[in-house]
Amino acid sequence: MKLAPTLSQKIPASALPQSEAEILAWLRLARSRRVGPSTFIRLLREHGNAEAALAALPQVASQAGAKSYAACSGAQANTELEAGFKAGAELLCLGTAEYPPHLALIPDPPPVLWAIGDTSLAHRPAAGLVGARNASSLGQRMARILAEELGAAGYVITSGLARGVDTAAHFASLETGTIAVLAGGVDVVYPRENKALWQQITHQGLVVSEAPIGTAPQARHFPKRNRIISGISLGIVVIEGAAKSGSLITARNALDQGREVMAVPGSPLDPRATGCNMLLRDGAGLVRSGADVIEYLESAAQGVFALPAPATEVLQPMPAPPISTPKPAEIPASLMSLLSTAPIPEDTLIRESGLPTPKAMELIFDLEMTGEITRHPGGMLSLAQ
């Protein structure tokens, strides 16, 4: 698949920032009110560089009906730059060599990205793994398997650092390459429980965000975040996702961007599989293993990246990366008291524990990982003997 040229490829070379003053002007333009990605690119093309675009912006805004318009100030942009550098982040500007090349091809690429970690990962072929925050044990296991197999085949794993599928995918790809795309600032960890994982990714992988440094994520930020996950990736795999979920938004973004869309099938009786099954019904690629994903992505990489080595040569078992698990004292007594060597339905365990369903499922997964409980056919759980 060879993507058609987009506006981002038509930024004049003279507009690319070379000095500190030009970088500051670039950031000011990107942070000014009513300047989205498309408007940013259009202003650069019409005025030649960020400084000239900033000078013309008040008049442009006035013609568009905005009264008393003021662009982002130099002091505000400078404060953000200083905060970013203090956080150990690097500013990536659209059109420069450091910017993720595949992301630059989407219709609305972020004018700037803050990045912490190894930026070369964004220049390698990537596969996005997304899914439910309250993912089942099987869903998280599938995420780990796919991440390990794709990582062994040379693909970087892209996801959103959320609970459930995202967390499992990131952990399993720490050694082979993982990119976490955040809805808030690159220095703001959400959810807080993933602080240790965020730290590992900043040292071994890459964390990126288009939001200003220090931005706390809000609901409206996540759809914008999702387009970056799919934009960096050659294709998206949805492992579990409800019919109206962020994972389905990411899949729609991927379709709009010309990316491959794939899904892991699930039980029609599980609401978390509804979105995946809908995607498959509508023509998404069916995924049973990493080999299925690689088959879909091989054609997508042509003309964009150098392909990894053939999967048949590198899909070897890999040792699972260490997964942070809670200490026994952190498992609530209300949950442990319901467990015995006699199997109990998982749904009953969650309901009677009195814990929020996502939290209970997370703790159950942790107990499985530490070998303290055993999963039986039919969704039954018991203490390990």
Protein backbone atom coordinates (compact mmCIF):
# COMPACT_ATOMS: atom_id res chain seq x y z
CA MET A 1 0.00 0.00 0.00
CA LYS A 2 1.46 3.36 -1.02
CA LEU A 3 -0.27 6.33 0.54
CA ALA A 4 -1.07 9.43 -1.52
CA PRO A 5 0.78 12.67 -0.72
CA THR A 6 -0.95 14.84 1.86
CA LEU A 7 -0.73 18.46 2.96
CA SER A 8 2.04 17.60 5.42
CA GLN A 9 4.30 16.74 2.51
CA LYS A 10 3.73 20.18 0.97
CA ILE A 11 5.25 22.28 3.74
CA PRO A 12 7.91 24.46 2.07
CA ALA A 13 11.45 23.55 3.11
CA SER A 14 12.02 27.19 4.01
CA ALA A 15 9.33 26.92 6.69
CA LEU A 16 11.03 24.15 8.67
CA PRO A 17 12.49 25.50 11.93
CA GLN A 18 16.28 25.67 12.09
CA SER A 19 17.02 28.02 15.00
CA GLU A 20 15.69 28.39 18.52
CA ALA A 21 13.71 31.45 17.45
CA GLU A 22 12.11 29.53 14.58
CA ILE A 23 11.26 26.61 16.87
CA LEU A 24 9.62 29.04 19.28
CA ALA A 25 7.58 30.61 16.45
CA TRP A 26 6.58 27.14 15.22
CA LEU A 27 5.32 26.20 18.68
CA ARG A 28 3.52 29.55 19.08
CA LEU A 29 1.65 28.98 15.82
CA ALA A 30 0.76 25.39 16.79
CA ARG A 31 -0.57 26.51 20.19
CA SER A 32 -2.58 29.49 18.95
CA ARG A 33 -6.36 29.37 19.25
CA ARG A 34 -8.32 28.10 16.26
CA VAL A 35 -5.17 26.77 14.56
CA GLY A 36 -5.66 23.06 14.00
CA PRO A 37 -3.32 20.80 12.00
CA SER A 38 -4.85 21.63 8.60
CA THR A 39 -4.92 25.37 9.29
CA PHE A 40 -1.33 25.23 10.55
CA ILE A 41 -0.13 23.63 7.30
CA ARG A 42 -2.17 26.02 5.15
CA LEU A 43 -0.76 29.07 6.96
CA LEU A 44 2.81 27.85 6.44
CA ARG A 45 2.18 27.24 2.75
CA GLU A 46 0.55 30.65 2.26
CA HIS A 47 3.04 32.70 4.27
CA GLY A 48 6.28 30.77 3.90
CA ASN A 49 7.27 30.35 7.56
CA ALA A 50 5.90 30.41 11.09
CA GLU A 51 6.96 33.98 11.85
CA ALA A 52 5.12 35.38 8.83
CA ALA A 53 2.10 33.20 9.59
CA LEU A 54 1.97 34.55 13.14
CA ALA A 55 2.10 38.12 11.88
CA ALA A 56 -0.81 37.45 9.51
CA LEU A 57 -2.84 35.39 11.99
CA PRO A 58 -4.83 38.23 13.66
CA GLN A 59 -6.08 39.44 10.28
CA VAL A 60 -6.86 35.89 9.17
CA ALA A 61 -8.78 35.32 12.40
CA SER A 62 -10.66 38.60 12.01
CA GLN A 63 -11.76 37.64 8.50
CA ALA A 64 -13.03 34.38 9.97
CA GLY A 65 -15.14 36.29 12.50
CA ALA A 66 -12.87 36.12 15.57
CA LYS A 67 -12.73 39.44 17.41
CA SER A 68 -9.82 40.64 19.57
CA TYR A 69 -7.75 37.68 18.49
CA ALA A 70 -4.26 37.18 19.96
CA ALA A 71 -1.87 34.40 19.01
CA CYS A 72 -0.05 32.30 21.59
CA SER A 73 2.54 34.55 23.24
CA GLY A 74 6.26 34.02 23.08
CA ALA A 75 6.39 33.82 26.89
CA GLN A 76 3.77 31.04 26.95
CA ALA A 77 5.55 29.02 24.27
CA ASN A 78 8.92 29.56 25.94
CA THR A 79 7.53 28.33 29.26
CA GLU A 80 6.32 25.17 27.55
CA LEU A 81 9.69 24.62 25.87
CA GLU A 82 11.54 25.01 29.16
CA ALA A 83 9.12 22.65 30.93
CA GLY A 84 9.51 20.07 28.17
CA PHE A 85 13.29 20.13 28.25
CA LYS A 86 13.23 19.97 32.06
CA ALA A 87 11.07 16.82 31.78
CA GLY A 88 13.66 15.28 29.46
CA ALA A 89 11.39 15.55 26.42
CA GLU A 90 12.27 16.42 22.83
CA LEU A 91 10.09 18.52 20.53
CA LEU A 92 9.48 16.90 17.14
CA CYS A 93 8.27 19.26 14.41
CA LEU A 94 6.22 18.08 11.44
CA GLY A 95 8.28 17.82 8.27
CA THR A 96 11.65 17.41 10.02
CA ALA A 97 13.74 14.23 9.86
CA GLU A 98 13.01 13.34 13.50
CA TYR A 99 9.21 13.37 13.07
CA PRO A 100 7.51 9.91 12.70
CA PRO A 101 7.39 9.47 8.89
CA HIS A 102 4.22 7.39 8.73
CA LEU A 103 2.33 9.79 11.01
CA ALA A 104 3.24 12.67 8.67
CA LEU A 105 1.13 10.99 5.96
CA ILE A 106 -2.23 11.30 7.72
CA PRO A 107 -4.62 14.13 6.74
CA ASP A 108 -4.26 15.93 10.10
CA PRO A 109 -0.77 15.24 11.52
CA PRO A 110 0.10 17.03 14.76
CA PRO A 111 2.33 20.05 14.01
CA VAL A 112 4.40 19.19 17.09
CA LEU A 113 4.98 16.10 19.21
CA TRP A 114 6.67 15.90 22.57
CA ALA A 115 8.71 12.72 22.90
CA ILE A 116 10.61 11.02 25.71
CA GLY A 117 12.77 8.02 24.87
CA ASP A 118 14.14 6.46 21.72
CA THR A 119 12.69 8.44 18.80
CA SER A 120 14.19 6.01 16.27
CA LEU A 121 11.41 3.56 17.20
CA ALA A 122 8.91 5.79 15.38
CA HIS A 123 10.91 5.23 12.18
CA ARG A 124 10.40 1.47 12.27
CA PRO A 125 7.34 -0.50 11.08
CA ALA A 126 4.74 -0.49 13.86
CA ALA A 127 1.57 -2.38 14.71
CA GLY A 128 -1.06 -0.88 17.00
CA LEU A 129 -2.61 -3.15 19.63
CA VAL A 130 -5.68 -1.70 21.33
CA GLY A 131 -8.58 -3.04 23.35
CA ALA A 132 -10.72 -2.92 26.44
CA ARG A 133 -9.54 -1.40 29.71
CA ASN A 134 -11.50 -4.09 31.55
CA ALA A 135 -10.06 -6.79 29.31
CA SER A 136 -10.54 -10.42 30.21
CA SER A 137 -7.63 -12.65 31.19
CA LEU A 138 -7.78 -14.23 27.74
CA GLY A 139 -7.79 -10.82 26.07
CA GLN A 140 -4.71 -9.71 27.98
CA ARG A 141 -3.01 -13.01 27.24
CA MET A 142 -3.73 -12.55 23.54
CA ALA A 143 -2.27 -9.04 23.68
CA ARG A 144 0.93 -10.39 25.20
CA ILE A 145 1.19 -13.19 22.63
CA LEU A 146 0.67 -10.84 19.69
CA ALA A 147 3.09 -8.26 21.09
CA GLU A 148 5.79 -10.87 21.62
CA GLU A 149 5.35 -12.46 18.19
CA LEU A 150 5.23 -9.15 16.36
CA GLY A 151 8.18 -7.81 18.34
CA ALA A 152 10.21 -10.91 17.47
CA ALA A 153 9.37 -10.28 13.81
CA GLY A 154 10.77 -6.74 13.97
CA TYR A 155 7.63 -4.69 14.53
CA VAL A 156 7.30 -1.97 17.15
CA ILE A 157 4.11 -2.13 19.23
CA THR A 158 2.04 1.05 19.55
CA SER A 159 -0.66 1.49 22.18
CA GLY A 160 -2.12 4.01 24.62
CA LEU A 161 -0.82 3.07 28.11
CA ALA A 162 -4.38 2.40 29.31
CA ARG A 163 -5.34 -0.45 31.63
CA GLY A 164 -6.04 -3.90 30.24
CA VAL A 165 -4.95 -4.65 26.68
CA ASP A 166 -2.67 -1.60 26.35
CA THR A 167 -0.76 -2.43 29.53
CA ALA A 168 -0.30 -6.08 28.54
CA ALA A 169 0.90 -5.12 25.04
CA HIS A 170 3.43 -2.59 26.35
CA PHE A 171 4.87 -4.94 28.96
CA ALA A 172 5.31 -7.72 26.41
CA SER A 173 7.13 -5.47 23.93
CA LEU A 174 9.50 -3.56 26.22
CA GLU A 175 12.51 -5.50 24.99
CA THR A 176 11.63 -5.38 21.28
CA GLY A 177 10.24 -1.86 21.00
CA THR A 178 7.08 -0.14 22.22
CA ILE A 179 5.54 3.31 21.75
CA ALA A 180 3.03 4.74 24.23
CA VAL A 181 0.83 7.56 22.91
CA LEU A 182 -0.65 9.67 25.71
CA ALA A 183 -3.76 11.84 25.73
CA GLY A 184 -2.24 14.29 28.20
CA GLY A 185 1.30 15.59 28.42
CA VAL A 186 4.16 13.12 28.03
CA ASP A 187 5.05 13.87 31.65
CA VAL A 188 1.56 13.12 32.99
CA VAL A 189 0.98 9.43 33.67
CA TYR A 190 -2.58 8.16 33.27
CA PRO A 191 -3.67 5.91 34.86
CA ARG A 192 -1.41 6.60 37.83
CA GLU A 193 -0.97 2.89 38.49
CA ASN A 194 1.08 2.68 35.28
CA LYS A 195 3.78 5.03 36.59
CA ALA A 196 6.37 2.21 36.76
CA LEU A 197 5.46 1.07 33.24
CA TRP A 198 5.72 4.66 31.95
CA GLN A 199 9.19 4.92 33.48
CA GLN A 200 10.26 1.68 31.81
CA ILE A 201 8.98 2.86 28.43
CA THR A 202 10.78 6.22 28.72
CA HIS A 203 14.04 4.29 29.23
CA GLN A 204 13.49 1.36 26.84
CA GLY A 205 10.84 2.62 24.42
CA LEU A 206 9.18 5.88 23.42
CA VAL A 207 6.40 8.04 24.90
CA VAL A 208 4.80 10.69 22.67
CA SER A 209 1.97 13.23 22.89
CA GLU A 210 0.80 16.27 20.97
CA ALA A 211 -0.51 17.89 24.19
CA PRO A 212 1.47 20.61 25.97
CA ILE A 213 3.74 19.53 28.80
CA GLY A 214 1.83 19.14 32.07
CA THR A 215 -1.60 18.71 30.43
CA ALA A 216 -3.96 16.54 32.48
CA PRO A 217 -5.88 14.22 30.12
CA GLN A 218 -9.57 14.91 29.62
CA ALA A 219 -12.20 12.92 27.73
CA ARG A 220 -11.96 15.10 24.62
CA HIS A 221 -8.22 14.38 24.32
CA PHE A 222 -8.53 10.62 23.80
CA PRO A 223 -10.02 10.56 20.28
CA LYS A 224 -7.18 12.85 19.15
CA ARG A 225 -4.71 10.52 20.88
CA ASN A 226 -6.23 7.53 19.07
CA ARG A 227 -5.57 8.99 15.62
CA ILE A 228 -1.87 9.17 16.50
CA ILE A 229 -1.79 5.52 17.57
CA SER A 230 -3.21 4.48 14.22
CA GLY A 231 -1.22 7.12 12.33
CA ILE A 232 2.14 5.85 13.58
CA SER A 233 1.11 2.24 12.84
CA LEU A 234 0.84 0.30 9.62
CA GLY A 235 -2.27 -1.34 10.99
CA ILE A 236 -4.43 -1.68 14.09
CA VAL A 237 -5.45 -4.87 15.88
CA VAL A 238 -8.48 -4.64 18.17
CA ILE A 239 -8.30 -7.42 20.75
CA GLU A 240 -11.37 -6.65 22.85
CA GLY A 241 -13.66 -3.67 22.51
CA ALA A 242 -17.30 -2.82 23.06
CA ALA A 243 -19.45 -1.46 20.25
CA LYS A 244 -18.97 2.13 21.49
CA SER A 245 -15.40 2.24 22.71
CA GLY A 246 -12.17 4.07 22.15
CA SER A 247 -10.81 1.00 20.38
CA LEU A 248 -13.49 1.32 17.72
CA ILE A 249 -12.65 5.02 17.32
CA THR A 250 -9.04 4.01 16.71
CA ALA A 251 -10.20 1.45 14.13
CA ARG A 252 -12.28 4.10 12.32
CA ASN A 253 -9.29 6.44 12.34
CA ALA A 254 -7.18 3.66 10.85
CA LEU A 255 -9.69 3.15 8.05
CA ASP A 256 -9.77 6.88 7.30
CA GLN A 257 -5.97 6.94 7.23
CA GLY A 258 -5.71 3.99 4.86
CA ARG A 259 -4.29 1.64 7.50
CA GLU A 260 -5.00 -2.05 7.90
CA VAL A 261 -7.74 -2.89 10.41
CA MET A 262 -7.74 -6.29 12.11
CA ALA A 263 -9.60 -7.85 15.01
CA VAL A 264 -9.47 -10.88 17.27
CA PRO A 265 -12.85 -12.67 17.31
CA GLY A 266 -14.65 -13.18 20.60
CA SER A 267 -17.72 -14.77 22.10
CA PRO A 268 -21.02 -13.20 20.97
CA LEU A 269 -22.07 -13.40 24.62
CA ASP A 270 -19.21 -11.18 25.83
CA PRO A 271 -19.95 -7.43 25.47
CA ARG A 272 -16.21 -6.81 25.24
CA ALA A 273 -16.14 -8.73 21.96
CA THR A 274 -19.02 -6.89 20.31
CA GLY A 275 -16.84 -4.30 18.62
CA CYS A 276 -14.34 -6.88 17.33
CA ASN A 277 -17.07 -9.05 15.88
CA MET A 278 -18.67 -6.01 14.23
CA LEU A 279 -15.34 -5.14 12.61
CA LEU A 280 -14.92 -8.69 11.34
CA ARG A 281 -18.46 -8.66 9.95
CA ASP A 282 -17.61 -5.46 8.09
CA GLY A 283 -14.43 -6.85 6.53
CA ALA A 284 -11.62 -6.43 9.05
CA GLY A 285 -8.80 -8.96 8.94
CA LEU A 286 -9.28 -11.91 11.28
CA VAL A 287 -6.38 -12.40 13.68
CA ARG A 288 -5.50 -15.70 15.35
CA SER A 289 -1.76 -15.15 15.80
CA GLY A 290 1.08 -12.79 15.04
CA ALA A 291 1.57 -14.51 11.69
CA ASP A 292 -1.90 -13.31 10.60
CA VAL A 293 -1.02 -9.72 11.50
CA ILE A 294 2.31 -9.90 9.68
CA GLU A 295 0.61 -11.18 6.55
CA TYR A 296 -1.70 -8.14 6.53
CA LEU A 297 1.10 -5.68 7.32
CA GLU A 298 3.66 -6.85 4.79
CA SER A 299 1.87 -5.16 1.90
CA ALA A 300 1.15 -2.07 4.00
CA ALA A 301 4.87 -1.54 4.67
CA GLN A 302 5.83 -1.46 1.00
CA GLY A 303 7.15 1.96 -0.01
CA VAL A 304 7.02 3.32 3.54
CA PHE A 305 9.46 1.26 5.60
CA ALA A 306 12.14 -1.34 5.08
CA LEU A 307 10.42 -4.61 5.86
CA PRO A 308 11.52 -6.65 8.88
CA ALA A 309 13.02 -10.07 8.33
CA PRO A 310 10.50 -12.75 7.27
CA ALA A 311 8.35 -13.84 10.17
CA THR A 312 9.14 -17.54 9.58
CA GLU A 313 12.76 -16.82 10.48
CA VAL A 314 12.20 -14.84 13.62
CA LEU A 315 8.95 -15.92 15.22
CA GLN A 316 10.68 -17.82 18.02
CA PRO A 317 9.40 -18.10 21.60
CA MET A 318 10.55 -15.21 23.75
CA PRO A 319 10.82 -15.05 27.52
CA ALA A 320 7.98 -12.95 28.87
CA PRO A 321 9.09 -9.56 30.24
CA PRO A 322 8.57 -9.14 33.97
CA ILE A 323 5.10 -7.91 34.87
CA SER A 324 4.58 -5.77 37.93
CA THR A 325 2.13 -7.44 40.26
CA PRO A 326 0.70 -6.30 43.58
CA LYS A 327 2.02 -7.69 46.81
CA PRO A 328 -0.30 -10.12 48.64
CA ALA A 329 -1.14 -7.39 51.14
CA GLU A 330 -2.53 -5.28 48.32
CA ILE A 331 -5.18 -7.88 47.40
CA PRO A 332 -8.36 -6.89 49.32
CA ALA A 333 -9.58 -9.37 51.88
CA SER A 334 -13.08 -9.06 50.39
CA LEU A 335 -11.75 -10.79 47.27
CA MET A 336 -9.45 -13.38 48.86
CA SER A 337 -12.07 -14.51 51.37
CA LEU A 338 -14.34 -15.65 48.51
CA LEU A 339 -11.69 -17.96 47.06
CA SER A 340 -11.02 -21.54 48.02
CA THR A 341 -9.84 -24.73 46.34
CA ALA A 342 -13.41 -25.21 45.14
CA PRO A 343 -13.96 -23.38 41.80
CA ILE A 344 -16.25 -20.36 41.78
CA PRO A 345 -17.64 -18.53 38.70
CA GLU A 346 -15.57 -15.45 37.90
CA ASP A 347 -18.71 -13.32 37.53
CA THR A 348 -19.85 -14.36 41.01
CA LEU A 349 -16.43 -13.59 42.47
CA ILE A 350 -16.43 -10.11 40.96
CA ARG A 351 -19.99 -9.35 42.03
CA GLU A 352 -19.63 -10.56 45.60
CA SER A 353 -16.25 -8.90 46.15
CA GLY A 354 -17.98 -5.52 46.16
CA LEU A 355 -15.13 -4.04 44.11
CA PRO A 356 -15.57 -2.07 40.87
CA THR A 357 -15.58 -4.57 38.01
CA PRO A 358 -12.43 -3.21 36.27
CA LYS A 359 -10.49 -3.25 39.56
CA ALA A 360 -11.65 -6.76 40.46
CA MET A 361 -10.69 -8.08 37.02
CA GLU A 362 -7.28 -6.43 37.30
CA LEU A 363 -6.65 -8.08 40.69
CA ILE A 364 -7.81 -11.45 39.40
CA PHE A 365 -5.38 -11.15 36.50
CA ASP A 366 -2.57 -10.30 38.94
CA LEU A 367 -3.39 -13.37 41.05
CA GLU A 368 -3.27 -15.51 37.93
CA MET A 369 0.11 -14.10 36.97
CA THR A 370 1.56 -14.86 40.41
CA GLY A 371 0.14 -18.38 40.31
CA GLU A 372 -2.09 -17.89 43.35
CA ILE A 373 -5.29 -18.84 41.55
CA THR A 374 -6.12 -21.34 38.82
CA ARG A 375 -8.52 -20.80 35.93
CA HIS A 376 -10.80 -23.73 35.02
CA PRO A 377 -13.05 -24.34 31.99
CA GLY A 378 -16.34 -22.46 32.01
CA GLY A 379 -14.95 -19.28 33.59
CA MET A 380 -14.34 -20.89 36.99
CA LEU A 381 -11.59 -19.81 39.39
CA SER A 382 -10.07 -21.40 42.48
CA LEU A 383 -7.07 -21.06 44.76
CA ALA A 384 -4.07 -22.88 43.33
CA GLN A 385 -3.39 -26.21 45.01
